[in-house]
Amino acid sequence: MAAFLILASECDCRMEIKARLGMARSTAKSLTSLWKDHSLNLQLKSRLVQTLVWPVATYACESWTIKVSDSNRQHVTAFEMDMYRRMMRLSWTQHRNNKSILEELKLTCRFLAEVKRRKLQYFGHIVQADSLCTHILHGIIAGKRR
């Protein structure tokens, strides 16, 4: 599979985010036999989501431009809650709110925080390097004008 980044004409990453989350949803759907297994507890299933599904969703997330509307709307937060509901085998017709699901799992919403952490970590990596990118970010170029 080739790695590429989807950019819209407005330099918006919404299409890339939707594509990545869609790939992760299909990965979670392929793991249905794990979600149906009654011998696995919810804590183990939560770790399986983090190790098998989240890497598909967070691939190249360092380059995403996440707007407030993207994080609050049905993209990132809804993806995380959808994974938890799928893991717990809850249907949308059961009318469980997100807060009750997170309380039952003893978790907080962590996916968006992980994406932001990885973006900051990559930024720190870029700033430490001694390259043209670093000089452009700092706005300082050595030398004097004639």
C-alpha atoms as a PDB file:
ATOM      1  CA  MET A   1       0.000   0.000   0.000  1.00  0.00           C
ATOM      2  CA  ALA A   2       1.442   3.340  -0.988  1.00  0.00           C
ATOM      3  CA  ALA A   3       1.681   6.071   1.608  1.00  0.00           C
ATOM      4  CA  PHE A   4       0.222   9.360   0.499  1.00  0.00           C
ATOM      5  CA  LEU A   5      -1.448  12.378   1.980  1.00  0.00           C
ATOM      6  CA  ILE A   6      -4.773  13.655   0.693  1.00  0.00           C
ATOM      7  CA  LEU A   7      -4.940  17.448   0.535  1.00  0.00           C
ATOM      8  CA  ALA A   8      -7.876  19.468  -0.698  1.00  0.00           C
ATOM      9  CA  SER A   9      -7.498  22.644  -2.717  1.00  0.00           C
ATOM     10  CA  GLU A  10      -8.036  24.698   0.472  1.00  0.00           C
ATOM     11  CA  CYS A  11      -5.047  22.968   2.171  1.00  0.00           C
ATOM     12  CA  ASP A  12      -7.529  21.237   4.437  1.00  0.00           C
ATOM     13  CA  CYS A  13      -6.857  17.780   5.845  1.00  0.00           C
ATOM     14  CA  ARG A  14     -10.494  16.852   6.420  1.00  0.00           C
ATOM     15  CA  MET A  15     -10.460  14.363   3.514  1.00  0.00           C
ATOM     16  CA  GLU A  16      -7.255  12.744   4.821  1.00  0.00           C
ATOM     17  CA  ILE A  17      -8.684  12.468   8.343  1.00  0.00           C
ATOM     18  CA  LYS A  18     -11.908  10.899   7.049  1.00  0.00           C
ATOM     19  CA  ALA A  19      -9.958   8.442   4.881  1.00  0.00           C
ATOM     20  CA  ARG A  20      -7.678   7.394   7.752  1.00  0.00           C
ATOM     21  CA  LEU A  21     -10.566   6.965  10.179  1.00  0.00           C
ATOM     22  CA  GLY A  22     -12.442   4.968   7.533  1.00  0.00           C
ATOM     23  CA  MET A  23      -9.467   2.627   7.134  1.00  0.00           C
ATOM     24  CA  ALA A  24      -9.320   2.199  10.903  1.00  0.00           C
ATOM     25  CA  ARG A  25     -13.055   1.469  11.048  1.00  0.00           C
ATOM     26  CA  SER A  26     -12.660  -1.256   8.422  1.00  0.00           C
ATOM     27  CA  THR A  27      -9.777  -2.695  10.454  1.00  0.00           C
ATOM     28  CA  ALA A  28     -12.002  -2.756  13.539  1.00  0.00           C
ATOM     29  CA  LYS A  29     -14.760  -4.421  11.532  1.00  0.00           C
ATOM     30  CA  SER A  30     -12.355  -7.168  10.495  1.00  0.00           C
ATOM     31  CA  LEU A  31     -11.737  -7.880  14.188  1.00  0.00           C
ATOM     32  CA  THR A  32     -15.384  -8.681  14.905  1.00  0.00           C
ATOM     33  CA  SER A  33     -14.499 -12.157  16.170  1.00  0.00           C
ATOM     34  CA  LEU A  34     -12.377 -10.551  18.915  1.00  0.00           C
ATOM     35  CA  TRP A  35     -15.145  -8.176  19.956  1.00  0.00           C
ATOM     36  CA  LYS A  36     -17.622 -11.081  20.186  1.00  0.00           C
ATOM     37  CA  ASP A  37     -15.290 -13.219  22.299  1.00  0.00           C
ATOM     38  CA  HIS A  38     -16.719 -13.394  25.830  1.00  0.00           C
ATOM     39  CA  SER A  39     -13.495 -14.745  27.325  1.00  0.00           C
ATOM     40  CA  LEU A  40     -11.738 -11.396  26.732  1.00  0.00           C
ATOM     41  CA  ASN A  41     -12.408  -8.703  29.299  1.00  0.00           C
ATOM     42  CA  LEU A  42     -13.021  -5.046  28.407  1.00  0.00           C
ATOM     43  CA  GLN A  43      -9.579  -3.963  29.552  1.00  0.00           C
ATOM     44  CA  LEU A  44      -7.887  -6.363  27.135  1.00  0.00           C
ATOM     45  CA  LYS A  45     -10.237  -5.328  24.331  1.00  0.00           C
ATOM     46  CA  SER A  46      -9.363  -1.704  25.023  1.00  0.00           C
ATOM     47  CA  ARG A  47      -5.656  -2.535  24.662  1.00  0.00           C
ATOM     48  CA  LEU A  48      -6.415  -4.372  21.417  1.00  0.00           C
ATOM     49  CA  VAL A  49      -8.131  -1.264  20.048  1.00  0.00           C
ATOM     50  CA  GLN A  50      -5.104   0.831  20.971  1.00  0.00           C
ATOM     51  CA  THR A  51      -2.600  -1.571  19.421  1.00  0.00           C
ATOM     52  CA  LEU A  52      -4.466  -2.788  16.322  1.00  0.00           C
ATOM     53  CA  VAL A  53      -6.832  -0.003  15.288  1.00  0.00           C
ATOM     54  CA  TRP A  54      -5.292   3.274  16.466  1.00  0.00           C
ATOM     55  CA  PRO A  55      -2.023   2.889  14.496  1.00  0.00           C
ATOM     56  CA  VAL A  56      -4.040   2.646  11.286  1.00  0.00           C
ATOM     57  CA  ALA A  57      -5.894   5.834  12.211  1.00  0.00           C
ATOM     58  CA  THR A  58      -2.856   7.779  13.399  1.00  0.00           C
ATOM     59  CA  TYR A  59      -0.580   7.005  10.456  1.00  0.00           C
ATOM     60  CA  ALA A  60       0.924  10.354   9.348  1.00  0.00           C
ATOM     61  CA  CYS A  61      -1.256  12.267  11.831  1.00  0.00           C
ATOM     62  CA  GLU A  62       1.696  14.566  12.493  1.00  0.00           C
ATOM     63  CA  SER A  63       0.910  16.365   9.232  1.00  0.00           C
ATOM     64  CA  TRP A  64      -2.803  16.875   9.934  1.00  0.00           C
ATOM     65  CA  THR A  65      -4.169  20.352  10.462  1.00  0.00           C
ATOM     66  CA  ILE A  66      -6.923  19.767  12.982  1.00  0.00           C
ATOM     67  CA  LYS A  67      -9.414  22.549  13.331  1.00  0.00           C
ATOM     68  CA  VAL A  68     -11.739  22.906  16.303  1.00  0.00           C
ATOM     69  CA  SER A  69     -14.659  21.990  14.061  1.00  0.00           C
ATOM     70  CA  ASP A  70     -12.919  18.739  13.047  1.00  0.00           C
ATOM     71  CA  SER A  71     -12.103  17.677  16.591  1.00  0.00           C
ATOM     72  CA  ASN A  72     -15.530  18.474  18.024  1.00  0.00           C
ATOM     73  CA  ARG A  73     -17.595  17.251  15.123  1.00  0.00           C
ATOM     74  CA  GLN A  74     -18.163  13.668  14.109  1.00  0.00           C
ATOM     75  CA  HIS A  75     -14.629  12.951  12.975  1.00  0.00           C
ATOM     76  CA  VAL A  76     -12.081  12.299  15.672  1.00  0.00           C
ATOM     77  CA  THR A  77     -14.095  12.073  18.884  1.00  0.00           C
ATOM     78  CA  ALA A  78     -16.880  10.097  17.240  1.00  0.00           C
ATOM     79  CA  PHE A  79     -14.328   7.641  15.854  1.00  0.00           C
ATOM     80  CA  GLU A  80     -12.983   6.931  19.322  1.00  0.00           C
ATOM     81  CA  MET A  81     -16.433   6.454  20.805  1.00  0.00           C
ATOM     82  CA  ASP A  82     -17.433   4.246  17.868  1.00  0.00           C
ATOM     83  CA  MET A  83     -14.458   2.003  18.607  1.00  0.00           C
ATOM     84  CA  TYR A  84     -15.439   1.753  22.275  1.00  0.00           C
ATOM     85  CA  ARG A  85     -19.059   0.979  21.373  1.00  0.00           C
ATOM     86  CA  ARG A  86     -17.961  -1.667  18.875  1.00  0.00           C
ATOM     87  CA  MET A  87     -15.631  -3.157  21.470  1.00  0.00           C
ATOM     88  CA  MET A  88     -18.462  -3.339  24.026  1.00  0.00           C
ATOM     89  CA  ARG A  89     -20.893  -4.606  21.360  1.00  0.00           C
ATOM     90  CA  LEU A  90     -23.331  -1.743  21.953  1.00  0.00           C
ATOM     91  CA  SER A  91     -25.808  -0.737  19.311  1.00  0.00           C
ATOM     92  CA  TRP A  92     -26.712   2.883  18.669  1.00  0.00           C
ATOM     93  CA  THR A  93     -30.324   1.931  19.465  1.00  0.00           C
ATOM     94  CA  GLN A  94     -29.395   1.266  23.099  1.00  0.00           C
ATOM     95  CA  HIS A  95     -29.211   5.039  23.677  1.00  0.00           C
ATOM     96  CA  ARG A  96     -26.097   5.043  25.867  1.00  0.00           C
ATOM     97  CA  ASN A  97     -24.355   8.378  26.141  1.00  0.00           C
ATOM     98  CA  ASN A  98     -20.602   8.753  25.783  1.00  0.00           C
ATOM     99  CA  LYS A  99     -20.088   9.645  29.417  1.00  0.00           C
ATOM    100  CA  SER A 100     -21.646   6.409  30.684  1.00  0.00           C
ATOM    101  CA  ILE A 101     -19.537   4.337  28.288  1.00  0.00           C
ATOM    102  CA  LEU A 102     -16.325   6.056  29.376  1.00  0.00           C
ATOM    103  CA  GLU A 103     -17.262   5.600  33.042  1.00  0.00           C
ATOM    104  CA  GLU A 104     -17.900   1.899  32.511  1.00  0.00           C
ATOM    105  CA  LEU A 105     -14.551   1.480  30.768  1.00  0.00           C
ATOM    106  CA  LYS A 106     -12.831   3.748  33.321  1.00  0.00           C
ATOM    107  CA  LEU A 107     -11.281   5.750  30.455  1.00  0.00           C
ATOM    108  CA  THR A 108     -11.178   9.276  29.151  1.00  0.00           C
ATOM    109  CA  CYS A 109     -11.162  10.410  25.534  1.00  0.00           C
ATOM    110  CA  ARG A 110      -7.524   9.913  24.605  1.00  0.00           C
ATOM    111  CA  PHE A 111      -7.343   9.669  20.821  1.00  0.00           C
ATOM    112  CA  LEU A 112      -7.301  13.398  20.081  1.00  0.00           C
ATOM    113  CA  ALA A 113      -4.802  13.985  22.899  1.00  0.00           C
ATOM    114  CA  GLU A 114      -2.539  11.322  21.375  1.00  0.00           C
ATOM    115  CA  VAL A 115      -2.730  12.983  17.953  1.00  0.00           C
ATOM    116  CA  LYS A 116      -1.853  16.365  19.463  1.00  0.00           C
ATOM    117  CA  ARG A 117       1.014  14.826  21.450  1.00  0.00           C
ATOM    118  CA  ARG A 118       2.446  13.245  18.326  1.00  0.00           C
ATOM    119  CA  LYS A 119       2.177  16.553  16.428  1.00  0.00           C
ATOM    120  CA  LEU A 120       4.087  18.367  19.185  1.00  0.00           C
ATOM    121  CA  GLN A 121       6.668  15.597  19.372  1.00  0.00           C
ATOM    122  CA  TYR A 122       7.270  15.853  15.621  1.00  0.00           C
ATOM    123  CA  PHE A 123       7.527  19.639  15.874  1.00  0.00           C
ATOM    124  CA  GLY A 124      10.192  19.233  18.567  1.00  0.00           C
ATOM    125  CA  HIS A 125      12.040  16.831  16.323  1.00  0.00           C
ATOM    126  CA  ILE A 126      11.992  19.339  13.451  1.00  0.00           C
ATOM    127  CA  VAL A 127      13.134  22.228  15.667  1.00  0.00           C
ATOM    128  CA  GLN A 128      16.117  20.265  17.016  1.00  0.00           C
ATOM    129  CA  ALA A 129      17.492  19.468  13.571  1.00  0.00           C
ATOM    130  CA  ASP A 130      20.000  21.881  12.066  1.00  0.00           C
ATOM    131  CA  SER A 131      18.415  22.357   8.669  1.00  0.00           C
ATOM    132  CA  LEU A 132      16.768  24.944   6.465  1.00  0.00           C
ATOM    133  CA  CYS A 133      13.380  24.099   8.023  1.00  0.00           C
ATOM    134  CA  THR A 134      14.683  25.027  11.467  1.00  0.00           C
ATOM    135  CA  HIS A 135      16.068  28.334  10.227  1.00  0.00           C
ATOM    136  CA  ILE A 136      12.765  29.146   8.537  1.00  0.00           C
ATOM    137  CA  LEU A 137      10.815  28.289  11.709  1.00  0.00           C
ATOM    138  CA  HIS A 138      13.063  30.454  13.864  1.00  0.00           C
ATOM    139  CA  GLY A 139      13.201  33.236  11.272  1.00  0.00           C
ATOM    140  CA  ILE A 140      16.936  33.712  11.792  1.00  0.00           C
ATOM    141  CA  ILE A 141      19.488  33.235   9.055  1.00  0.00           C
ATOM    142  CA  ALA A 142      23.183  33.620   9.790  1.00  0.00           C
ATOM    143  CA  GLY A 143      25.194  36.242   7.963  1.00  0.00           C
ATOM    144  CA  LYS A 144      24.963  39.915   7.133  1.00  0.00           C
ATOM    145  CA  ARG A 145      23.471  41.801   4.254  1.00  0.00           C
ATOM    146  CA  ARG A 146      25.687  43.850   2.044  1.00  0.00           C
END
